[in-house]
Amino acid sequence: MNRFNKRIQIIFILIMAIVFNGIAQSDTLEPNPGILDTITPAADLPKTYLPFLYDKEIAVITNQTGRIKGHHLVDFLLYENINVAKIFAPEHGFRGDASDGTEVQNGRDILTGLQVLSIYGKKKKPSEQDLQDIEVLVFDIQDVGVRFYTYISSLTYVMEAAAENDIPIIVLDRPNPNAHYIDGPVLDTAFSSFVGMHPVPVVYGMTIGEYARMVKGEGWINKSDKLDLTVVPMENYTHDSIYTLPVAPSPNLPDNKSIYLYPWICYFEGANVSVGRGTGAPFRLIGFPGFVGGDTTFTPHPIPGKSESPPFLNEQCNGINLKKIPLEELENATKIDWTYVWDMYKVLGEEKFFLENNYFDLLAGSKLLRTALIQGWSIERFKSEYQPDVDAFKKIRKKYVMYE
């Protein structure tokens, strides 16, 4: 680190000392009112992981969701005099301000002066050079428990890089808002991609720490047996816990409703149907121009940092307002509601429904959903086809769960 950047970091640490009101001990920080509930994410238990970080050169894989008691984890680590050498940024960037699908660029964080390396751009896996002199990796990102959410893919690549370079990795566990059920087709590995790498259901019912244990235990990365993995558990958490995220996990999942609806309607990203990107209600609206029988209209526009080029840009869409579904109903859901996919397909038909890029199949994880729609299967038949695979997955999952 050059003198200029070192000076920036020293000034920043002094500022953080003022922000933290001169508190000397990390575990005595007062939580911001309304941020935390009875569940304590691993990041908020610094006594469990700071001893592994002192006097080490570390890299942090995180974004805007890496928080400790209302403050950013990186800011807190700098305040604790932890030697943070660099940051690896996933989709949407370190500060969470990159819109969907936009390549994240390398650079320096304007607030801390730290080097930020992208793992969502030209490369998705840290290189040997990137990890040179790094002694510990710390992963802290809020997941939503859905197979096509890319943070678990970034986790996988970082774990593999750690294994290949003999670097320990610490995963700070966080609640999964969709952990209360398991449903959806298990991915056919012939359809493996960055929006689905492993043979798991759409909704897999595991925290990101439990998922990391499964990635290692099932040998889904190179040199998995060499990986030194530590998952720091939460306190007061079960898979049935209802948890309101204090920070949006990504720009287009701004609240719990959108997070609960995400595994129900994301398949439309591979179809000629809008999910409300470019509006104030992404993943809470579905529709397209000319749709008949809906209950709302909306017009997608470019939104910097959220959706620069949404489908049906500047075109009025007719559709269905999913915001009206009571939050309690979504919280208590025990399965994916496939009716929206079935209903939209019936309106558009095969020729108009699917995009030509096969993205629909990558999101679905196989051709099963496409086949069910084209051949006119009932939802019940479709579910009966994938349920045996889900049951088999549940047996594998049991080996890695850490919570009730």
Protein backbone atom coordinates (compact mmCIF):
# COMPACT_ATOMS: atom_id res chain seq x y z
CA MET A 1 0.00 0.00 0.00
CA ASN A 2 1.53 3.41 -0.96
CA ARG A 3 1.91 6.30 1.50
CA PHE A 4 -1.09 8.18 0.15
CA ASN A 5 -3.48 5.24 0.56
CA LYS A 6 -1.99 4.42 3.96
CA ARG A 7 -2.64 8.01 5.03
CA ILE A 8 -6.25 7.77 3.81
CA GLN A 9 -6.74 4.62 5.82
CA ILE A 10 -5.26 6.19 8.98
CA ILE A 11 -7.55 9.20 8.62
CA PHE A 12 -10.48 6.89 8.05
CA ILE A 13 -9.67 4.89 11.19
CA LEU A 14 -9.56 8.13 13.19
CA ILE A 15 -12.95 9.10 11.80
CA MET A 16 -14.33 5.69 12.69
CA ALA A 17 -13.04 6.14 16.22
CA ILE A 18 -15.23 9.23 16.48
CA VAL A 19 -18.18 7.38 14.91
CA PHE A 20 -17.81 4.60 17.45
CA ASN A 21 -17.72 7.23 20.26
CA GLY A 22 -14.31 6.16 21.46
CA ILE A 23 -15.45 2.66 22.44
CA ALA A 24 -12.39 0.50 22.99
CA GLN A 25 -13.87 -3.00 23.02
CA SER A 26 -15.57 -4.33 19.89
CA ASP A 27 -18.10 -6.44 21.76
CA THR A 28 -19.47 -3.42 23.63
CA LEU A 29 -20.70 -1.54 20.57
CA GLU A 30 -24.32 -0.53 20.94
CA PRO A 31 -26.67 -1.73 18.18
CA ASN A 32 -28.57 0.84 16.18
CA PRO A 33 -32.25 0.84 17.22
CA GLY A 34 -34.42 -1.16 14.84
CA ILE A 35 -31.51 -2.89 13.13
CA LEU A 36 -31.24 -6.09 15.10
CA ASP A 37 -33.78 -8.50 16.47
CA THR A 38 -33.30 -11.57 18.67
CA ILE A 39 -31.29 -13.32 15.95
CA THR A 40 -27.59 -12.49 16.14
CA PRO A 41 -25.72 -12.90 12.83
CA ALA A 42 -22.16 -14.19 13.13
CA ALA A 43 -20.65 -10.81 12.25
CA ASP A 44 -22.22 -9.40 15.41
CA LEU A 45 -20.25 -11.90 17.52
CA PRO A 46 -16.73 -10.49 17.04
CA LYS A 47 -15.20 -12.42 19.94
CA THR A 48 -15.72 -15.61 17.91
CA TYR A 49 -13.67 -14.55 14.89
CA LEU A 50 -11.40 -11.59 15.70
CA PRO A 51 -8.79 -13.84 17.39
CA PHE A 52 -8.25 -15.53 14.01
CA LEU A 53 -7.59 -12.18 12.32
CA TYR A 54 -5.21 -10.25 14.53
CA ASP A 55 -1.71 -9.93 13.08
CA LYS A 56 -2.89 -11.49 9.80
CA GLU A 57 -3.12 -10.00 6.34
CA ILE A 58 -6.70 -10.63 5.31
CA ALA A 59 -9.00 -10.17 2.34
CA VAL A 60 -12.74 -9.67 2.80
CA ILE A 61 -15.39 -10.90 0.37
CA THR A 62 -18.39 -8.72 1.08
CA ASN A 63 -20.77 -6.02 -0.09
CA GLN A 64 -23.21 -3.57 1.46
CA THR A 65 -24.84 -6.40 3.45
CA GLY A 66 -21.71 -7.16 5.47
CA ARG A 67 -22.80 -5.33 8.61
CA ILE A 68 -22.02 -5.46 12.30
CA LYS A 69 -24.50 -3.72 14.57
CA GLY A 70 -25.39 -1.14 11.97
CA HIS A 71 -21.85 -0.51 10.71
CA HIS A 72 -20.01 -1.96 7.73
CA LEU A 73 -17.86 -4.97 8.62
CA VAL A 74 -14.82 -3.58 6.80
CA ASP A 75 -15.09 -0.29 8.70
CA PHE A 76 -15.32 -2.23 11.94
CA LEU A 77 -12.30 -4.41 11.11
CA LEU A 78 -10.21 -1.35 10.30
CA TYR A 79 -11.31 0.20 13.58
CA GLU A 80 -10.12 -2.96 15.31
CA ASN A 81 -6.71 -2.57 13.61
CA ILE A 82 -7.22 -5.68 11.51
CA ASN A 83 -4.96 -5.57 8.46
CA VAL A 84 -7.49 -5.60 5.64
CA ALA A 85 -5.32 -5.84 2.52
CA LYS A 86 -8.09 -5.91 -0.10
CA ILE A 87 -11.76 -6.51 -0.81
CA PHE A 88 -13.31 -8.88 -3.34
CA ALA A 89 -16.61 -7.56 -4.70
CA PRO A 90 -19.44 -9.81 -6.02
CA GLU A 91 -22.33 -8.92 -8.32
CA HIS A 92 -23.64 -5.39 -7.64
CA GLY A 93 -20.26 -4.31 -6.24
CA PHE A 94 -18.75 -3.65 -2.83
CA ARG A 95 -21.17 -0.83 -2.02
CA GLY A 96 -24.14 -2.53 -3.73
CA ASP A 97 -24.64 0.23 -6.29
CA ALA A 98 -24.02 -1.67 -9.56
CA SER A 99 -27.15 -2.53 -11.51
CA ASP A 100 -28.22 -6.01 -12.55
CA GLY A 101 -25.86 -7.83 -14.90
CA THR A 102 -23.33 -4.97 -14.93
CA GLU A 103 -19.69 -6.03 -14.75
CA VAL A 104 -18.09 -4.89 -11.51
CA GLN A 105 -14.80 -3.07 -12.09
CA ASN A 106 -11.56 -3.19 -10.13
CA GLY A 107 -10.68 -0.03 -8.25
CA ARG A 108 -10.27 1.55 -4.86
CA ASP A 109 -12.97 2.16 -2.32
CA ILE A 110 -13.47 5.91 -2.06
CA LEU A 111 -14.10 5.79 1.69
CA THR A 112 -11.27 3.54 2.87
CA GLY A 113 -8.76 3.62 0.05
CA LEU A 114 -8.71 -0.17 0.02
CA GLN A 115 -8.12 -2.07 -3.20
CA VAL A 116 -11.34 -3.60 -4.54
CA LEU A 117 -11.04 -6.55 -6.92
CA SER A 118 -14.04 -7.72 -8.92
CA ILE A 119 -15.27 -11.30 -8.85
CA TYR A 120 -18.17 -10.41 -11.13
CA GLY A 121 -16.62 -9.29 -14.37
CA LYS A 122 -13.81 -10.63 -16.52
CA LYS A 123 -13.16 -13.21 -13.85
CA LYS A 124 -15.27 -14.69 -11.10
CA LYS A 125 -12.54 -16.44 -9.15
CA PRO A 126 -9.60 -14.79 -7.36
CA SER A 127 -6.30 -15.64 -9.01
CA GLU A 128 -3.11 -16.83 -7.33
CA GLN A 129 -1.70 -13.34 -7.83
CA ASP A 130 -4.78 -11.77 -6.24
CA LEU A 131 -4.23 -13.89 -3.15
CA GLN A 132 -0.50 -13.39 -2.87
CA ASP A 133 0.45 -12.65 0.78
CA ILE A 134 -3.17 -13.08 1.94
CA GLU A 135 -3.26 -15.21 5.10
CA VAL A 136 -7.01 -15.41 5.80
CA LEU A 137 -10.16 -14.89 3.74
CA VAL A 138 -13.33 -13.61 5.41
CA PHE A 139 -16.67 -14.06 3.62
CA ASP A 140 -19.69 -12.07 4.81
CA ILE A 141 -22.57 -11.61 2.37
CA GLN A 142 -26.32 -11.80 2.94
CA ASP A 143 -27.86 -14.58 0.84
CA VAL A 144 -31.57 -15.17 0.08
CA GLY A 145 -31.51 -18.97 -0.21
CA VAL A 146 -32.38 -19.32 -3.90
CA ARG A 147 -30.21 -21.32 -6.30
CA PHE A 148 -29.93 -18.68 -9.02
CA TYR A 149 -28.85 -15.90 -6.66
CA THR A 150 -25.21 -15.44 -7.61
CA TYR A 151 -23.66 -14.90 -4.17
CA ILE A 152 -23.46 -18.66 -3.56
CA SER A 153 -21.65 -19.04 -6.89
CA SER A 154 -19.16 -16.38 -5.80
CA LEU A 155 -18.78 -18.24 -2.50
CA THR A 156 -17.99 -21.44 -4.41
CA TYR A 157 -15.28 -19.84 -6.53
CA VAL A 158 -13.70 -18.12 -3.54
CA MET A 159 -13.69 -21.40 -1.60
CA GLU A 160 -11.99 -23.14 -4.50
CA ALA A 161 -9.37 -20.39 -4.75
CA ALA A 162 -8.77 -20.70 -1.01
CA ALA A 163 -8.32 -24.47 -1.29
CA GLU A 164 -5.95 -24.20 -4.25
CA ASN A 165 -3.80 -21.59 -2.50
CA ASP A 166 -3.84 -23.11 1.02
CA ILE A 167 -5.56 -20.11 2.57
CA PRO A 168 -8.08 -20.57 5.41
CA ILE A 169 -11.54 -19.10 4.82
CA ILE A 170 -13.95 -17.93 7.51
CA VAL A 171 -17.64 -17.65 6.58
CA LEU A 172 -19.69 -15.43 8.87
CA ASP A 173 -23.13 -16.96 8.79
CA ARG A 174 -26.32 -14.98 8.21
CA PRO A 175 -30.04 -15.83 8.23
CA ASN A 176 -31.69 -17.16 5.10
CA PRO A 177 -35.14 -15.54 4.72
CA ASN A 178 -36.23 -18.48 2.54
CA ALA A 179 -34.87 -21.22 4.80
CA HIS A 180 -38.29 -22.40 6.00
CA TYR A 181 -38.99 -24.66 3.01
CA ILE A 182 -37.31 -26.69 0.26
CA ASP A 183 -38.85 -26.84 -3.20
CA GLY A 184 -38.25 -26.71 -6.93
CA PRO A 185 -36.43 -28.89 -9.46
CA VAL A 186 -32.93 -30.01 -8.52
CA LEU A 187 -30.40 -28.65 -10.99
CA ASP A 188 -29.27 -30.98 -13.76
CA THR A 189 -25.49 -30.39 -13.85
CA ALA A 190 -25.64 -30.28 -17.64
CA PHE A 191 -27.24 -26.85 -17.06
CA SER A 192 -24.65 -25.67 -14.57
CA SER A 193 -23.85 -21.95 -14.87
CA PHE A 194 -23.17 -18.95 -12.68
CA VAL A 195 -26.91 -18.79 -11.92
CA GLY A 196 -26.86 -22.39 -10.71
CA MET A 197 -23.72 -24.43 -10.15
CA HIS A 198 -24.78 -27.36 -7.98
CA PRO A 199 -27.44 -30.10 -7.85
CA VAL A 200 -29.71 -28.37 -5.34
CA PRO A 201 -33.40 -27.37 -5.54
CA VAL A 202 -34.44 -23.82 -6.43
CA VAL A 203 -35.12 -23.19 -2.73
CA TYR A 204 -32.68 -25.29 -0.72
CA GLY A 205 -33.37 -24.35 2.91
CA MET A 206 -29.83 -23.67 4.11
CA THR A 207 -27.93 -20.67 5.40
CA ILE A 208 -24.90 -19.55 3.44
CA GLY A 209 -22.66 -21.10 6.09
CA GLU A 210 -24.44 -24.44 5.81
CA TYR A 211 -24.18 -24.18 2.03
CA ALA A 212 -20.43 -23.62 2.32
CA ARG A 213 -20.16 -26.79 4.41
CA MET A 214 -22.06 -28.70 1.73
CA VAL A 215 -19.88 -27.36 -1.10
CA LYS A 216 -16.79 -28.63 0.72
CA GLY A 217 -18.32 -31.86 2.01
CA GLU A 218 -19.75 -32.92 -1.34
CA GLY A 219 -16.50 -32.17 -3.17
CA TRP A 220 -18.01 -29.55 -5.46
CA ILE A 221 -14.72 -27.64 -5.67
CA ASN A 222 -11.19 -28.58 -6.67
CA LYS A 223 -9.07 -29.72 -3.70
CA SER A 224 -12.08 -29.61 -1.39
CA ASP A 225 -10.36 -31.97 1.04
CA LYS A 226 -7.54 -29.41 1.46
CA LEU A 227 -9.84 -26.51 2.32
CA ASP A 228 -9.55 -25.05 5.81
CA LEU A 229 -13.15 -23.84 6.27
CA THR A 230 -14.56 -22.26 9.41
CA VAL A 231 -18.23 -21.32 9.59
CA VAL A 232 -19.01 -18.97 12.46
CA PRO A 233 -22.59 -19.74 13.56
CA MET A 234 -25.35 -17.34 14.54
CA GLU A 235 -27.18 -17.20 17.84
CA ASN A 236 -30.92 -17.67 18.38
CA TYR A 237 -31.60 -18.78 14.80
CA THR A 238 -33.68 -21.63 13.39
CA HIS A 239 -34.71 -22.37 9.83
CA ASP A 240 -38.23 -21.25 10.73
CA SER A 241 -37.08 -17.86 11.99
CA ILE A 242 -38.68 -14.85 10.33
CA TYR A 243 -35.94 -12.32 9.72
CA THR A 244 -36.33 -8.84 8.27
CA LEU A 245 -33.13 -7.93 6.49
CA PRO A 246 -31.69 -4.60 7.71
CA VAL A 247 -30.07 -3.94 4.30
CA ALA A 248 -31.35 -4.83 0.82
CA PRO A 249 -29.27 -7.79 -0.42
CA SER A 250 -29.25 -6.39 -3.96
CA PRO A 251 -30.72 -3.36 -5.75
CA ASN A 252 -33.78 -5.16 -7.12
CA LEU A 253 -34.65 -7.12 -3.98
CA PRO A 254 -35.48 -4.16 -1.74
CA ASP A 255 -37.67 -5.86 0.85
CA ASN A 256 -38.91 -9.16 2.23
CA LYS A 257 -41.85 -9.37 -0.19
CA SER A 258 -39.56 -9.24 -3.20
CA ILE A 259 -37.24 -11.80 -1.57
CA TYR A 260 -40.11 -14.22 -0.94
CA LEU A 261 -41.48 -13.77 -4.48
CA TYR A 262 -38.06 -14.11 -6.12
CA PRO A 263 -38.08 -17.95 -6.40
CA TRP A 264 -41.66 -17.82 -7.72
CA ILE A 265 -41.19 -15.43 -10.65
CA CYS A 266 -37.49 -15.10 -11.52
CA TYR A 267 -37.97 -17.54 -14.43
CA PHE A 268 -39.62 -14.66 -16.30
CA GLU A 269 -36.13 -13.20 -16.70
CA GLY A 270 -35.76 -15.85 -19.39
CA ALA A 271 -39.17 -15.08 -20.90
CA ASN A 272 -40.95 -12.17 -22.56
CA VAL A 273 -42.41 -11.09 -19.24
CA SER A 274 -41.27 -8.22 -17.04
CA VAL A 275 -40.72 -8.74 -13.31
CA GLY A 276 -40.92 -5.01 -12.67
CA ARG A 277 -37.28 -4.10 -13.18
CA GLY A 278 -37.10 -0.39 -13.96
CA THR A 279 -39.99 0.41 -11.63
CA GLY A 280 -40.36 1.11 -7.93
CA ALA A 281 -41.54 -2.45 -7.34
CA PRO A 282 -39.07 -4.94 -8.84
CA PHE A 283 -40.05 -8.58 -8.28
CA ARG A 284 -43.46 -7.44 -7.09
CA LEU A 285 -44.96 -6.86 -10.53
CA ILE A 286 -45.28 -9.14 -13.56
CA GLY A 287 -46.62 -8.31 -16.98
CA PHE A 288 -45.93 -7.29 -20.57
CA PRO A 289 -47.37 -4.96 -23.21
CA GLY A 290 -50.77 -6.16 -24.36
CA PHE A 291 -51.46 -8.48 -21.44
CA VAL A 292 -55.21 -8.72 -20.86
CA GLY A 293 -56.87 -9.45 -17.56
CA GLY A 294 -54.41 -7.92 -15.15
CA ASP A 295 -55.00 -5.47 -12.33
CA THR A 296 -52.21 -2.92 -12.88
CA THR A 297 -50.09 -1.08 -15.42
CA PHE A 298 -46.43 -0.08 -15.19
CA THR A 299 -43.78 1.38 -17.47
CA PRO A 300 -40.11 0.38 -16.97
CA HIS A 301 -37.57 3.20 -17.08
CA PRO A 302 -33.79 3.22 -16.62
CA ILE A 303 -32.85 3.45 -12.94
CA PRO A 304 -29.13 4.11 -12.36
CA GLY A 305 -27.56 1.61 -10.01
CA LYS A 306 -30.59 -0.69 -10.20
CA SER A 307 -31.66 -1.41 -13.77
CA GLU A 308 -30.08 0.48 -16.64
CA SER A 309 -31.86 -1.33 -19.51
CA PRO A 310 -34.91 -3.15 -18.16
CA PRO A 311 -37.09 -5.29 -20.45
CA PHE A 312 -39.83 -3.34 -22.24
CA LEU A 313 -37.96 -0.09 -21.67
CA ASN A 314 -40.40 2.87 -21.82
CA GLU A 315 -43.25 0.57 -22.88
CA GLN A 316 -46.44 0.41 -20.87
CA CYS A 317 -47.00 -3.07 -19.48
CA ASN A 318 -50.24 -4.52 -18.23
CA GLY A 319 -49.92 -7.08 -15.53
CA ILE A 320 -50.44 -8.38 -12.03
CA ASN A 321 -49.64 -6.52 -8.84
CA LEU A 322 -48.05 -9.00 -6.43
CA LYS A 323 -47.55 -6.30 -3.82
CA LYS A 324 -51.12 -7.00 -2.72
CA ILE A 325 -50.23 -10.47 -1.42
CA PRO A 326 -50.20 -10.20 2.40
CA LEU A 327 -46.70 -10.41 3.86
CA GLU A 328 -47.86 -12.99 6.39
CA GLU A 329 -49.00 -15.28 3.57
CA LEU A 330 -45.55 -15.13 1.98
CA GLU A 331 -43.80 -15.67 5.31
CA ASN A 332 -45.82 -18.85 5.86
CA ALA A 333 -45.38 -20.25 2.34
CA THR A 334 -44.12 -23.84 2.28
CA LYS A 335 -43.71 -24.21 -1.48
CA ILE A 336 -43.13 -22.28 -4.70
CA ASP A 337 -46.34 -20.97 -6.23
CA TRP A 338 -46.01 -22.03 -9.87
CA THR A 339 -49.39 -20.62 -10.96
CA TYR A 340 -47.88 -17.33 -12.21
CA VAL A 341 -45.54 -19.15 -14.61
CA TRP A 342 -48.37 -21.41 -15.82
CA ASP A 343 -50.80 -18.51 -16.29
CA MET A 344 -48.38 -16.30 -18.22
CA TYR A 345 -47.34 -19.17 -20.45
CA LYS A 346 -50.99 -19.89 -21.32
CA VAL A 347 -51.39 -16.30 -22.46
CA LEU A 348 -48.22 -16.08 -24.57
CA GLY A 349 -47.75 -19.64 -25.85
CA GLU A 350 -44.51 -21.37 -26.76
CA GLU A 351 -43.41 -19.10 -29.62
CA LYS A 352 -43.79 -15.84 -27.70
CA PHE A 353 -42.99 -16.93 -24.12
CA PHE A 354 -39.36 -18.10 -24.19
CA LEU A 355 -36.39 -15.88 -24.98
CA GLU A 356 -33.98 -17.34 -27.52
CA ASN A 357 -30.95 -17.26 -25.20
CA ASN A 358 -31.98 -20.37 -23.19
CA TYR A 359 -31.70 -18.35 -19.99
CA PHE A 360 -35.04 -19.77 -18.92
CA ASP A 361 -33.56 -23.27 -18.71
CA LEU A 362 -30.50 -22.06 -16.79
CA LEU A 363 -32.76 -20.45 -14.20
CA ALA A 364 -35.01 -23.50 -14.05
CA GLY A 365 -31.93 -25.72 -13.80
CA SER A 366 -33.06 -28.22 -16.43
CA LYS A 367 -35.51 -28.65 -19.30
CA LEU A 368 -38.17 -30.06 -16.98
CA LEU A 369 -40.06 -26.79 -16.50
CA ARG A 370 -39.96 -25.96 -20.21
CA THR A 371 -41.17 -29.47 -21.06
CA ALA A 372 -44.00 -29.26 -18.54
CA LEU A 373 -45.22 -25.98 -20.02
CA ILE A 374 -44.96 -27.02 -23.68
CA GLN A 375 -46.61 -30.40 -23.12
CA GLY A 376 -49.41 -28.94 -21.04
CA TRP A 377 -48.70 -30.78 -17.80
CA SER A 378 -50.58 -29.83 -14.68
CA ILE A 379 -48.59 -28.20 -11.88
CA GLU A 380 -49.25 -31.31 -9.80
CA ARG A 381 -47.65 -33.56 -12.41
CA PHE A 382 -44.67 -31.22 -12.75
CA LYS A 383 -44.10 -31.28 -8.99
CA SER A 384 -44.43 -35.05 -8.84
CA GLU A 385 -41.65 -35.32 -11.43
CA TYR A 386 -39.10 -33.36 -9.41
CA GLN A 387 -40.13 -34.36 -5.88
CA PRO A 388 -38.02 -37.57 -5.74
CA ASP A 389 -34.90 -35.51 -6.45
CA VAL A 390 -35.87 -33.04 -3.72
CA ASP A 391 -36.32 -35.91 -1.26
CA ALA A 392 -32.86 -37.24 -2.16
CA PHE A 393 -31.37 -33.77 -1.68
CA LYS A 394 -32.91 -33.49 1.78
CA LYS A 395 -30.92 -36.53 2.88
CA ILE A 396 -27.69 -34.89 1.71
CA ARG A 397 -28.65 -31.60 3.33
CA LYS A 398 -29.02 -33.21 6.76
CA LYS A 399 -25.27 -33.76 6.94
CA TYR A 400 -24.53 -30.05 6.84
CA VAL A 401 -27.30 -28.19 8.69
CA MET A 402 -26.22 -26.35 11.83
CA TYR A 403 -29.59 -25.14 13.11
CA GLU A 404 -32.98 -26.68 13.88
